[in-house]
Amino acid sequence: MLLGRLVALHPALHAERGYCTRHLYVRRKRMSYVFVREWSESEQAYRVKQQDFDLAPAEARKARPNASLLATAAQYGVPQAQELLQAMRVYSNVNWIGRQTTT
């Protein structure tokens, strides 16, 4: 169970360079990452490191630059990602019908 030990989801937007980095940390015996997604200037691509996160490395590398790695993993059925997103209860004003206005 990842949720009970979740410490931080750290996004950092680097607008001047047009990319962002994301890190997800949990507390184990000491704080460690679940995944780290960082832009590599030399490779002109994201580098992804994972620990106990079941997203296939090939799928992690294929994630769109503007896509959340957590959301991408949930779409591929990664249990840890689905657990976290379900707990976050992400609300949106867009559903299968389209955009819903709020009052």
PDB file of N, CA and C in Angstrom:
ATOM      1  N   MET A   1       0.844  -1.191   0.000  1.00  0.00           N
ATOM      2  CA  MET A   1       0.000   0.000   0.000  1.00  0.00           C
ATOM      3  C   MET A   1       0.881   1.244   0.000  1.00  0.00           C
ATOM      4  N   LEU A   2       0.825   1.939  -1.077  1.00  0.00           N
ATOM      5  CA  LEU A   2       1.655   3.118  -1.279  1.00  0.00           C
ATOM      6  C   LEU A   2       1.075   4.345  -0.590  1.00  0.00           C
ATOM      7  N   LEU A   3      -0.230   4.433  -0.526  1.00  0.00           N
ATOM      8  CA  LEU A   3      -0.903   5.647  -0.080  1.00  0.00           C
ATOM      9  C   LEU A   3      -0.551   6.039   1.351  1.00  0.00           C
ATOM     10  N   GLY A   4      -0.473   5.079   2.259  1.00  0.00           N
ATOM     11  CA  GLY A   4      -0.197   5.396   3.653  1.00  0.00           C
ATOM     12  C   GLY A   4       1.174   5.990   3.881  1.00  0.00           C
ATOM     13  N   ARG A   5       2.093   5.775   2.949  1.00  0.00           N
ATOM     14  CA  ARG A   5       3.461   6.260   3.111  1.00  0.00           C
ATOM     15  C   ARG A   5       3.786   7.428   2.192  1.00  0.00           C
ATOM     16  N   LEU A   6       2.805   7.913   1.446  1.00  0.00           N
ATOM     17  CA  LEU A   6       3.048   8.981   0.488  1.00  0.00           C
ATOM     18  C   LEU A   6       3.555  10.226   1.185  1.00  0.00           C
ATOM     19  N   VAL A   7       4.624  10.787   0.687  1.00  0.00           N
ATOM     20  CA  VAL A   7       5.200  11.989   1.273  1.00  0.00           C
ATOM     21  C   VAL A   7       4.938  13.192   0.388  1.00  0.00           C
ATOM     22  N   ALA A   8       5.305  13.123  -0.896  1.00  0.00           N
ATOM     23  CA  ALA A   8       5.168  14.310  -1.731  1.00  0.00           C
ATOM     24  C   ALA A   8       5.141  13.950  -3.202  1.00  0.00           C
ATOM     25  N   LEU A   9       4.276  14.628  -3.908  1.00  0.00           N
ATOM     26  CA  LEU A   9       4.298  14.623  -5.371  1.00  0.00           C
ATOM     27  C   LEU A   9       4.812  16.000  -5.750  1.00  0.00           C
ATOM     28  N   HIS A  10       6.009  16.038  -6.292  1.00  0.00           N
ATOM     29  CA  HIS A  10       6.675  17.314  -6.522  1.00  0.00           C
ATOM     30  C   HIS A  10       6.755  17.611  -8.013  1.00  0.00           C
ATOM     31  N   PRO A  11       5.864  18.486  -8.518  1.00  0.00           N
ATOM     32  CA  PRO A  11       6.012  18.927  -9.906  1.00  0.00           C
ATOM     33  C   PRO A  11       6.812  20.230  -9.943  1.00  0.00           C
ATOM     34  N   ALA A  12       7.613  20.375 -10.953  1.00  0.00           N
ATOM     35  CA  ALA A  12       8.352  21.628 -11.147  1.00  0.00           C
ATOM     36  C   ALA A  12       8.255  22.006 -12.619  1.00  0.00           C
ATOM     37  N   LEU A  13       7.620  23.120 -12.889  1.00  0.00           N
ATOM     38  CA  LEU A  13       7.443  23.578 -14.262  1.00  0.00           C
ATOM     39  C   LEU A  13       8.591  24.504 -14.628  1.00  0.00           C
ATOM     40  N   HIS A  14       9.203  24.208 -15.753  1.00  0.00           N
ATOM     41  CA  HIS A  14      10.283  25.045 -16.268  1.00  0.00           C
ATOM     42  C   HIS A  14       9.769  25.663 -17.569  1.00  0.00           C
ATOM     43  N   ALA A  15       8.923  26.669 -17.433  1.00  0.00           N
ATOM     44  CA  ALA A  15       8.225  27.241 -18.579  1.00  0.00           C
ATOM     45  C   ALA A  15       9.180  27.814 -19.620  1.00  0.00           C
ATOM     46  N   GLU A  16      10.269  28.389 -19.156  1.00  0.00           N
ATOM     47  CA  GLU A  16      11.199  28.987 -20.118  1.00  0.00           C
ATOM     48  C   GLU A  16      11.827  27.936 -21.017  1.00  0.00           C
ATOM     49  N   ARG A  17      11.871  26.693 -20.540  1.00  0.00           N
ATOM     50  CA  ARG A  17      12.430  25.618 -21.351  1.00  0.00           C
ATOM     51  C   ARG A  17      11.357  24.716 -21.936  1.00  0.00           C
ATOM     52  N   GLY A  18      10.106  24.884 -21.497  1.00  0.00           N
ATOM     53  CA  GLY A  18       9.007  24.125 -22.083  1.00  0.00           C
ATOM     54  C   GLY A  18       8.882  22.687 -21.607  1.00  0.00           C
ATOM     55  N   TYR A  19       9.324  22.396 -20.401  1.00  0.00           N
ATOM     56  CA  TYR A  19       9.166  21.044 -19.870  1.00  0.00           C
ATOM     57  C   TYR A  19       8.957  21.106 -18.369  1.00  0.00           C
ATOM     58  N   CYS A  20       8.597  19.999 -17.786  1.00  0.00           N
ATOM     59  CA  CYS A  20       8.468  19.944 -16.343  1.00  0.00           C
ATOM     60  C   CYS A  20       9.064  18.635 -15.826  1.00  0.00           C
ATOM     61  N   THR A  21       9.436  18.644 -14.557  1.00  0.00           N
ATOM     62  CA  THR A  21       9.929  17.435 -13.908  1.00  0.00           C
ATOM     63  C   THR A  21       8.922  17.035 -12.840  1.00  0.00           C
ATOM     64  N   ARG A  22       8.853  15.756 -12.582  1.00  0.00           N
ATOM     65  CA  ARG A  22       7.943  15.270 -11.552  1.00  0.00           C
ATOM     66  C   ARG A  22       8.647  14.200 -10.741  1.00  0.00           C
ATOM     67  N   HIS A  23       8.446  14.290  -9.422  1.00  0.00           N
ATOM     68  CA  HIS A  23       9.019  13.317  -8.510  1.00  0.00           C
ATOM     69  C   HIS A  23       7.910  12.884  -7.548  1.00  0.00           C
ATOM     70  N   LEU A  24       7.810  11.603  -7.255  1.00  0.00           N
ATOM     71  CA  LEU A  24       6.874  11.102  -6.258  1.00  0.00           C
ATOM     72  C   LEU A  24       7.693  10.378  -5.200  1.00  0.00           C
ATOM     73  N   TYR A  25       7.573  10.821  -3.945  1.00  0.00           N
ATOM     74  CA  TYR A  25       8.349  10.259  -2.850  1.00  0.00           C
ATOM     75  C   TYR A  25       7.445   9.587  -1.824  1.00  0.00           C
ATOM     76  N   VAL A  26       7.956   8.536  -1.187  1.00  0.00           N
ATOM     77  CA  VAL A  26       7.267   7.874  -0.073  1.00  0.00           C
ATOM     78  C   VAL A  26       8.272   7.666   1.053  1.00  0.00           C
ATOM     79  N   ARG A  27       7.724   7.489   2.245  1.00  0.00           N
ATOM     80  CA  ARG A  27       8.565   7.198   3.402  1.00  0.00           C
ATOM     81  C   ARG A  27       8.594   5.691   3.588  1.00  0.00           C
ATOM     82  N   ARG A  28       9.776   5.142   3.490  1.00  0.00           N
ATOM     83  CA  ARG A  28      10.001   3.728   3.790  1.00  0.00           C
ATOM     84  C   ARG A  28      10.839   3.719   5.060  1.00  0.00           C
ATOM     85  N   LYS A  29      11.945   3.035   5.081  1.00  0.00           N
ATOM     86  CA  LYS A  29      12.863   3.177   6.216  1.00  0.00           C
ATOM     87  C   LYS A  29      13.424   4.590   6.212  1.00  0.00           C
ATOM     88  N   ARG A  30      13.595   5.124   5.036  1.00  0.00           N
ATOM     89  CA  ARG A  30      13.931   6.527   4.846  1.00  0.00           C
ATOM     90  C   ARG A  30      13.196   6.981   3.597  1.00  0.00           C
ATOM     91  N   MET A  31      13.190   8.271   3.348  1.00  0.00           N
ATOM     92  CA  MET A  31      12.439   8.781   2.199  1.00  0.00           C
ATOM     93  C   MET A  31      13.112   8.326   0.904  1.00  0.00           C
ATOM     94  N   SER A  32      12.315   7.819  -0.023  1.00  0.00           N
ATOM     95  CA  SER A  32      12.856   7.400  -1.316  1.00  0.00           C
ATOM     96  C   SER A  32      11.817   7.689  -2.399  1.00  0.00           C
ATOM     97  N   TYR A  33      12.269   7.647  -3.621  1.00  0.00           N
ATOM     98  CA  TYR A  33      11.366   7.978  -4.712  1.00  0.00           C
ATOM     99  C   TYR A  33      10.603   6.742  -5.178  1.00  0.00           C
ATOM    100  N   VAL A  34       9.398   6.962  -5.682  1.00  0.00           N
ATOM    101  CA  VAL A  34       8.631   5.944  -6.388  1.00  0.00           C
ATOM    102  C   VAL A  34       8.952   6.094  -7.863  1.00  0.00           C
ATOM    103  N   PHE A  35       8.876   7.334  -8.345  1.00  0.00           N
ATOM    104  CA  PHE A  35       9.366   7.630  -9.685  1.00  0.00           C
ATOM    105  C   PHE A  35       9.914   9.044  -9.742  1.00  0.00           C
ATOM    106  N   VAL A  36      10.829   9.231 -10.649  1.00  0.00           N
ATOM    107  CA  VAL A  36      11.402  10.543 -10.941  1.00  0.00           C
ATOM    108  C   VAL A  36      11.406  10.668 -12.453  1.00  0.00           C
ATOM    109  N   ARG A  37      10.828  11.743 -12.944  1.00  0.00           N
ATOM    110  CA  ARG A  37      10.800  12.006 -14.390  1.00  0.00           C
ATOM    111  C   ARG A  37      11.444  13.359 -14.615  1.00  0.00           C
ATOM    112  N   GLU A  38      12.614  13.360 -15.246  1.00  0.00           N
ATOM    113  CA  GLU A  38      13.370  14.591 -15.447  1.00  0.00           C
ATOM    114  C   GLU A  38      13.783  14.730 -16.905  1.00  0.00           C
ATOM    115  N   TRP A  39      13.842  15.966 -17.363  1.00  0.00           N
ATOM    116  CA  TRP A  39      14.233  16.260 -18.731  1.00  0.00           C
ATOM    117  C   TRP A  39      15.747  16.170 -18.860  1.00  0.00           C
ATOM    118  N   SER A  40      16.211  15.521 -19.897  1.00  0.00           N
ATOM    119  CA  SER A  40      17.635  15.429 -20.195  1.00  0.00           C
ATOM    120  C   SER A  40      17.922  16.316 -21.400  1.00  0.00           C
ATOM    121  N   GLU A  41      18.664  17.383 -21.165  1.00  0.00           N
ATOM    122  CA  GLU A  41      19.015  18.291 -22.265  1.00  0.00           C
ATOM    123  C   GLU A  41      19.830  17.567 -23.330  1.00  0.00           C
ATOM    124  N   SER A  42      20.751  16.716 -22.907  1.00  0.00           N
ATOM    125  CA  SER A  42      21.623  16.040 -23.870  1.00  0.00           C
ATOM    126  C   SER A  42      20.853  15.053 -24.748  1.00  0.00           C
ATOM    127  N   GLU A  43      19.860  14.373 -24.176  1.00  0.00           N
ATOM    128  CA  GLU A  43      19.077  13.397 -24.944  1.00  0.00           C
ATOM    129  C   GLU A  43      17.832  14.006 -25.579  1.00  0.00           C
ATOM    130  N   GLN A  44      17.470  15.207 -25.130  1.00  0.00           N
ATOM    131  CA  GLN A  44      16.242  15.866 -25.580  1.00  0.00           C
ATOM    132  C   GLN A  44      15.037  14.956 -25.377  1.00  0.00           C
ATOM    133  N   ALA A  45      14.988  14.335 -24.212  1.00  0.00           N
ATOM    134  CA  ALA A  45      13.907  13.417 -23.851  1.00  0.00           C
ATOM    135  C   ALA A  45      13.858  13.316 -22.329  1.00  0.00           C
ATOM    136  N   TYR A  46      12.724  12.782 -21.829  1.00  0.00           N
ATOM    137  CA  TYR A  46      12.595  12.563 -20.394  1.00  0.00           C
ATOM    138  C   TYR A  46      13.330  11.297 -19.985  1.00  0.00           C
ATOM    139  N   ARG A  47      13.990  11.340 -18.838  1.00  0.00           N
ATOM    140  CA  ARG A  47      14.560  10.158 -18.193  1.00  0.00           C
ATOM    141  C   ARG A  47      13.639   9.786 -17.052  1.00  0.00           C
ATOM    142  N   VAL A  48      13.322   8.522 -16.931  1.00  0.00           N
ATOM    143  CA  VAL A  48      12.414   8.058 -15.887  1.00  0.00           C
ATOM    144  C   VAL A  48      13.117   6.996 -15.052  1.00  0.00           C
ATOM    145  N   LYS A  49      13.123   7.214 -13.730  1.00  0.00           N
ATOM    146  CA  LYS A  49      13.626   6.214 -12.791  1.00  0.00           C
ATOM    147  C   LYS A  49      12.438   5.757 -11.951  1.00  0.00           C
ATOM    148  N   GLN A  50      12.364   4.457 -11.655  1.00  0.00           N
ATOM    149  CA  GLN A  50      11.249   3.918 -10.888  1.00  0.00           C
ATOM    150  C   GLN A  50      11.758   2.960  -9.811  1.00  0.00           C
ATOM    151  N   GLN A  51      11.052   2.928  -8.679  1.00  0.00           N
ATOM    152  CA  GLN A  51      11.268   1.943  -7.635  1.00  0.00           C
ATOM    153  C   GLN A  51       9.892   1.465  -7.183  1.00  0.00           C
ATOM    154  N   ASP A  52       9.616   0.190  -7.324  1.00  0.00           N
ATOM    155  CA  ASP A  52       8.333  -0.382  -6.910  1.00  0.00           C
ATOM    156  C   ASP A  52       7.145   0.315  -7.576  1.00  0.00           C
ATOM    157  N   PHE A  53       7.307   0.683  -8.811  1.00  0.00           N
ATOM    158  CA  PHE A  53       6.243   1.299  -9.603  1.00  0.00           C
ATOM    159  C   PHE A  53       6.206   0.492 -10.891  1.00  0.00           C
ATOM    160  N   ASP A  54       5.109  -0.164 -11.153  1.00  0.00           N
ATOM    161  CA  ASP A  54       5.049  -1.212 -12.165  1.00  0.00           C
ATOM    162  C   ASP A  54       4.779  -0.745 -13.597  1.00  0.00           C
ATOM    163  N   LEU A  55       5.105   0.484 -13.920  1.00  0.00           N
ATOM    164  CA  LEU A  55       4.945   0.960 -15.293  1.00  0.00           C
ATOM    165  C   LEU A  55       6.127   0.455 -16.117  1.00  0.00           C
ATOM    166  N   ALA A  56       5.838  -0.185 -17.234  1.00  0.00           N
ATOM    167  CA  ALA A  56       6.901  -0.698 -18.098  1.00  0.00           C
ATOM    168  C   ALA A  56       7.797   0.459 -18.543  1.00  0.00           C
ATOM    169  N   PRO A  57       9.109   0.290 -18.480  1.00  0.00           N
ATOM    170  CA  PRO A  57      10.015   1.382 -18.873  1.00  0.00           C
ATOM    171  C   PRO A  57       9.748   1.922 -20.277  1.00  0.00           C
ATOM    172  N   ALA A  58       9.393   1.054 -21.207  1.00  0.00           N
ATOM    173  CA  ALA A  58       9.100   1.517 -22.573  1.00  0.00           C
ATOM    174  C   ALA A  58       7.874   2.422 -22.583  1.00  0.00           C
ATOM    175  N   GLU A  59       6.863   2.093 -21.786  1.00  0.00           N
ATOM    176  CA  GLU A  59       5.654   2.920 -21.710  1.00  0.00           C
ATOM    177  C   GLU A  59       5.959   4.245 -21.015  1.00  0.00           C
ATOM    178  N   ALA A  60       6.810   4.219 -20.010  1.00  0.00           N
ATOM    179  CA  ALA A  60       7.181   5.445 -19.308  1.00  0.00           C
ATOM    180  C   ALA A  60       7.899   6.410 -20.249  1.00  0.00           C
ATOM    181  N   ARG A  61       8.770   5.880 -21.093  1.00  0.00           N
ATOM    182  CA  ARG A  61       9.489   6.743 -22.041  1.00  0.00           C
ATOM    183  C   ARG A  61       8.564   7.297 -23.112  1.00  0.00           C
ATOM    184  N   LYS A  62       7.487   6.576 -23.444  1.00  0.00           N
ATOM    185  CA  LYS A  62       6.567   7.021 -24.508  1.00  0.00           C
ATOM    186  C   LYS A  62       5.550   8.054 -24.029  1.00  0.00           C
ATOM    187  N   ALA A  63       5.462   8.292 -22.722  1.00  0.00           N
ATOM    188  CA  ALA A  63       4.460   9.238 -22.208  1.00  0.00           C
ATOM    189  C   ALA A  63       4.687  10.613 -22.827  1.00  0.00           C
ATOM    190  N   ARG A  64       3.606  11.248 -23.258  1.00  0.00           N
ATOM    191  CA  ARG A  64       3.701  12.571 -23.861  1.00  0.00           C
ATOM    192  C   ARG A  64       4.359  13.566 -22.906  1.00  0.00           C
ATOM    193  N   PRO A  65       5.055  14.551 -23.423  1.00  0.00           N
ATOM    194  CA  PRO A  65       5.703  15.543 -22.553  1.00  0.00           C
ATOM    195  C   PRO A  65       4.726  16.300 -21.660  1.00  0.00           C
ATOM    196  N   ASN A  66       3.502  16.524 -22.128  1.00  0.00           N
ATOM    197  CA  ASN A  66       2.530  17.260 -21.327  1.00  0.00           C
ATOM    198  C   ASN A  66       1.628  16.344 -20.508  1.00  0.00           C
ATOM    199  N   ALA A  67       1.930  15.052 -20.461  1.00  0.00           N
ATOM    200  CA  ALA A  67       1.105  14.097 -19.719  1.00  0.00           C
ATOM    201  C   ALA A  67       1.736  13.794 -18.369  1.00  0.00           C
ATOM    202  N   SER A  68       0.896  13.612 -17.386  1.00  0.00           N
ATOM    203  CA  SER A  68       1.354  13.193 -16.075  1.00  0.00           C
ATOM    204  C   SER A  68       1.761  11.724 -16.137  1.00  0.00           C
ATOM    205  N   LEU A  69       2.911  11.389 -15.581  1.00  0.00           N
ATOM    206  CA  LEU A  69       3.342   9.995 -15.552  1.00  0.00           C
ATOM    207  C   LEU A  69       2.411   9.180 -14.665  1.00  0.00           C
ATOM    208  N   LEU A  70       1.889   9.789 -13.626  1.00  0.00           N
ATOM    209  CA  LEU A  70       0.940   9.111 -12.741  1.00  0.00           C
ATOM    210  C   LEU A  70      -0.340   8.757 -13.500  1.00  0.00           C
ATOM    211  N   ALA A  71      -0.877   9.691 -14.267  1.00  0.00           N
ATOM    212  CA  ALA A  71      -2.085   9.429 -15.051  1.00  0.00           C
ATOM    213  C   ALA A  71      -1.823   8.416 -16.160  1.00  0.00           C
ATOM    214  N   THR A  72      -0.658   8.502 -16.788  1.00  0.00           N
ATOM    215  CA  THR A  72      -0.297   7.543 -17.830  1.00  0.00           C
ATOM    216  C   THR A  72      -0.224   6.143 -17.251  1.00  0.00           C
ATOM    217  N   ALA A  73       0.397   6.011 -16.084  1.00  0.00           N
ATOM    218  CA  ALA A  73       0.513   4.707 -15.431  1.00  0.00           C
ATOM    219  C   ALA A  73      -0.867   4.156 -15.070  1.00  0.00           C
ATOM    220  N   ALA A  74      -1.763   5.012 -14.616  1.00  0.00           N
ATOM    221  CA  ALA A  74      -3.117   4.568 -14.284  1.00  0.00           C
ATOM    222  C   ALA A  74      -3.838   4.039 -15.519  1.00  0.00           C
ATOM    223  N   GLN A  75      -3.630   4.676 -16.666  1.00  0.00           N
ATOM    224  CA  GLN A  75      -4.246   4.212 -17.906  1.00  0.00           C
ATOM    225  C   GLN A  75      -3.726   2.845 -18.313  1.00  0.00           C
ATOM    226  N   TYR A  76      -2.487   2.536 -17.959  1.00  0.00           N
ATOM    227  CA  TYR A  76      -1.910   1.233 -18.267  1.00  0.00           C
ATOM    228  C   TYR A  76      -2.199   0.208 -17.176  1.00  0.00           C
ATOM    229  N   GLY A  77      -3.002   0.582 -16.190  1.00  0.00           N
ATOM    230  CA  GLY A  77      -3.417  -0.373 -15.165  1.00  0.00           C
ATOM    231  C   GLY A  77      -2.420  -0.604 -14.050  1.00  0.00           C
ATOM    232  N   VAL A  78      -1.508   0.330 -13.816  1.00  0.00           N
ATOM    233  CA  VAL A  78      -0.542   0.196 -12.727  1.00  0.00           C
ATOM    234  C   VAL A  78      -1.287   0.390 -11.398  1.00  0.00           C
ATOM    235  N   PRO A  79      -1.321  -0.643 -10.551  1.00  0.00           N
ATOM    236  CA  PRO A  79      -2.125  -0.570  -9.324  1.00  0.00           C
ATOM    237  C   PRO A  79      -1.753   0.591  -8.407  1.00  0.00           C
ATOM    238  N   GLN A  80      -0.471   0.891  -8.271  1.00  0.00           N
ATOM    239  CA  GLN A  80      -0.054   1.984  -7.392  1.00  0.00           C
ATOM    240  C   GLN A  80      -0.602   3.319  -7.886  1.00  0.00           C
ATOM    241  N   ALA A  81      -0.581   3.536  -9.177  1.00  0.00           N
ATOM    242  CA  ALA A  81      -1.092   4.790  -9.748  1.00  0.00           C
ATOM    243  C   ALA A  81      -2.602   4.876  -9.591  1.00  0.00           C
ATOM    244  N   GLN A  82      -3.294   3.780  -9.840  1.00  0.00           N
ATOM    245  CA  GLN A  82      -4.746   3.785  -9.698  1.00  0.00           C
ATOM    246  C   GLN A  82      -5.158   4.051  -8.255  1.00  0.00           C
ATOM    247  N   GLU A  83      -4.425   3.471  -7.309  1.00  0.00           N
ATOM    248  CA  GLU A  83      -4.707   3.691  -5.888  1.00  0.00           C
ATOM    249  C   GLU A  83      -4.548   5.164  -5.517  1.00  0.00           C
ATOM    250  N   LEU A  84      -3.462   5.774  -5.960  1.00  0.00           N
ATOM    251  CA  LEU A  84      -3.227   7.180  -5.635  1.00  0.00           C
ATOM    252  C   LEU A  84      -4.253   8.104  -6.272  1.00  0.00           C
ATOM    253  N   LEU A  85      -4.547   7.888  -7.541  1.00  0.00           N
ATOM    254  CA  LEU A  85      -5.512   8.760  -8.210  1.00  0.00           C
ATOM    255  C   LEU A  85      -6.913   8.593  -7.653  1.00  0.00           C
ATOM    256  N   GLN A  86      -7.268   7.378  -7.272  1.00  0.00           N
ATOM    257  CA  GLN A  86      -8.590   7.160  -6.665  1.00  0.00           C
ATOM    258  C   GLN A  86      -8.665   7.889  -5.321  1.00  0.00           C
ATOM    259  N   ALA A  87      -7.586   7.850  -4.561  1.00  0.00           N
ATOM    260  CA  ALA A  87      -7.573   8.523  -3.262  1.00  0.00           C
ATOM    261  C   ALA A  87      -7.597  10.039  -3.412  1.00  0.00           C
ATOM    262  N   MET A  88      -7.001  10.552  -4.485  1.00  0.00           N
ATOM    263  CA  MET A  88      -6.994  11.995  -4.707  1.00  0.00           C
ATOM    264  C   MET A  88      -8.370  12.506  -5.107  1.00  0.00           C
ATOM    265  N   ARG A  89      -9.185  11.627  -5.641  1.00  0.00           N
ATOM    266  CA  ARG A  89     -10.526  12.006  -6.109  1.00  0.00           C
ATOM    267  C   ARG A  89     -10.456  13.265  -6.969  1.00  0.00           C
ATOM    268  N   VAL A  90      -9.818  13.103  -8.088  1.00  0.00           N
ATOM    269  CA  VAL A  90      -9.655  14.216  -9.007  1.00  0.00           C
ATOM    270  C   VAL A  90     -11.017  14.605  -9.572  1.00  0.00           C
ATOM    271  N   TYR A  91     -11.378  15.866  -9.397  1.00  0.00           N
ATOM    272  CA  TYR A  91     -12.647  16.365  -9.909  1.00  0.00           C
ATOM    273  C   TYR A  91     -12.390  17.234 -11.132  1.00  0.00           C
ATOM    274  N   SER A  92     -13.297  17.156 -12.059  1.00  0.00           N
ATOM    275  CA  SER A  92     -13.136  17.917 -13.279  1.00  0.00           C
ATOM    276  C   SER A  92     -14.494  18.436 -13.731  1.00  0.00           C
ATOM    277  N   ASN A  93     -14.491  19.490 -14.513  1.00  0.00           N
ATOM    278  CA  ASN A  93     -15.736  19.989 -15.076  1.00  0.00           C
ATOM    279  C   ASN A  93     -15.969  19.417 -16.477  1.00  0.00           C
ATOM    280  N   VAL A  94     -15.212  18.377 -16.836  1.00  0.00           N
ATOM    281  CA  VAL A  94     -15.376  17.711 -18.121  1.00  0.00           C
ATOM    282  C   VAL A  94     -15.686  16.245 -17.867  1.00  0.00           C
ATOM    283  N   ASN A  95     -16.741  15.752 -18.505  1.00  0.00           N
ATOM    284  CA  ASN A  95     -17.066  14.333 -18.394  1.00  0.00           C
ATOM    285  C   ASN A  95     -17.360  13.791 -19.786  1.00  0.00           C
ATOM    286  N   TRP A  96     -17.947  12.614 -19.875  1.00  0.00           N
ATOM    287  CA  TRP A  96     -18.175  11.980 -21.171  1.00  0.00           C
ATOM    288  C   TRP A  96     -19.135  12.769 -22.051  1.00  0.00           C
ATOM    289  N   ILE A  97     -19.940  13.647 -21.479  1.00  0.00           N
ATOM    290  CA  ILE A  97     -20.869  14.474 -22.253  1.00  0.00           C
ATOM    291  C   ILE A  97     -20.157  15.702 -22.814  1.00  0.00           C
ATOM    292  N   GLY A  98     -19.207  16.207 -22.084  1.00  0.00           N
ATOM    293  CA  GLY A  98     -18.490  17.410 -22.472  1.00  0.00           C
ATOM    294  C   GLY A  98     -18.263  18.294 -21.271  1.00  0.00           C
ATOM    295  N   ARG A  99     -17.995  19.533 -21.506  1.00  0.00           N
ATOM    296  CA  ARG A  99     -17.723  20.477 -20.412  1.00  0.00           C
ATOM    297  C   ARG A  99     -19.004  20.818 -19.682  1.00  0.00           C
ATOM    298  N   GLN A 100     -18.939  20.781 -18.362  1.00  0.00           N
ATOM    299  CA  GLN A 100     -20.083  21.099 -17.541  1.00  0.00           C
ATOM    300  C   GLN A 100     -19.842  22.454 -16.876  1.00  0.00           C
ATOM    301  N   THR A 101     -20.811  23.335 -16.919  1.00  0.00           N
ATOM    302  CA  THR A 101     -20.656  24.633 -16.269  1.00  0.00           C
ATOM    303  C   THR A 101     -20.949  24.494 -14.795  1.00  0.00           C
ATOM    304  N   THR A 102     -20.239  25.279 -14.006  1.00  0.00           N
ATOM    305  CA  THR A 102     -20.471  25.287 -12.570  1.00  0.00           C
ATOM    306  C   THR A 102     -21.129  26.590 -12.192  1.00  0.00           C
ATOM    307  N   THR A 103     -21.951  26.546 -11.182  1.00  0.00           N
ATOM    308  CA  THR A 103     -22.645  27.768 -10.754  1.00  0.00           C
ATOM    309  C   THR A 103     -22.201  28.208  -9.398  1.00  0.00           C
TER     310      THR A 103
END
